[in-house]
């Protein structure tokens, strides 16, 4: 069974950093494009960042560009999200998702969310001001 498990969330002060991990299991994820999304209470799920299967292309929401970095370690079947200079508005549950057909450059489009092959269960990020 294909599975994604996020970890690394927690409580951090504004201005601090966290690194989220998304570990894939069940099959080789070398040819999967992957993305990070977040959902705050009462809000829709929003795109954060994405990375293509090779790691050669990355895309970011304008609100996080320059502060967040998405990467993947193919040997560990794991995608990461390094989050720096965190702001109170970054607080949310962070989810990762993967798909072999959806292009990383298109993952910001909300209507494609339902087409992802697999989603993780989410990891919460809380920011104290």
Foldseek 3Di string as FASTA:
>chain_A
DKAWAKDFADEDAQQAKIKMKIAIDDDQQLLKKKFKWWDAVPGDIFGAKIAGSPRPDIDGDVVQPPFWDWGDDRVRNMIMIIGGNHDQVVWGWMKMFIDNPDGRVPVRDVVCPVVTPYMHPTDTHGYDD
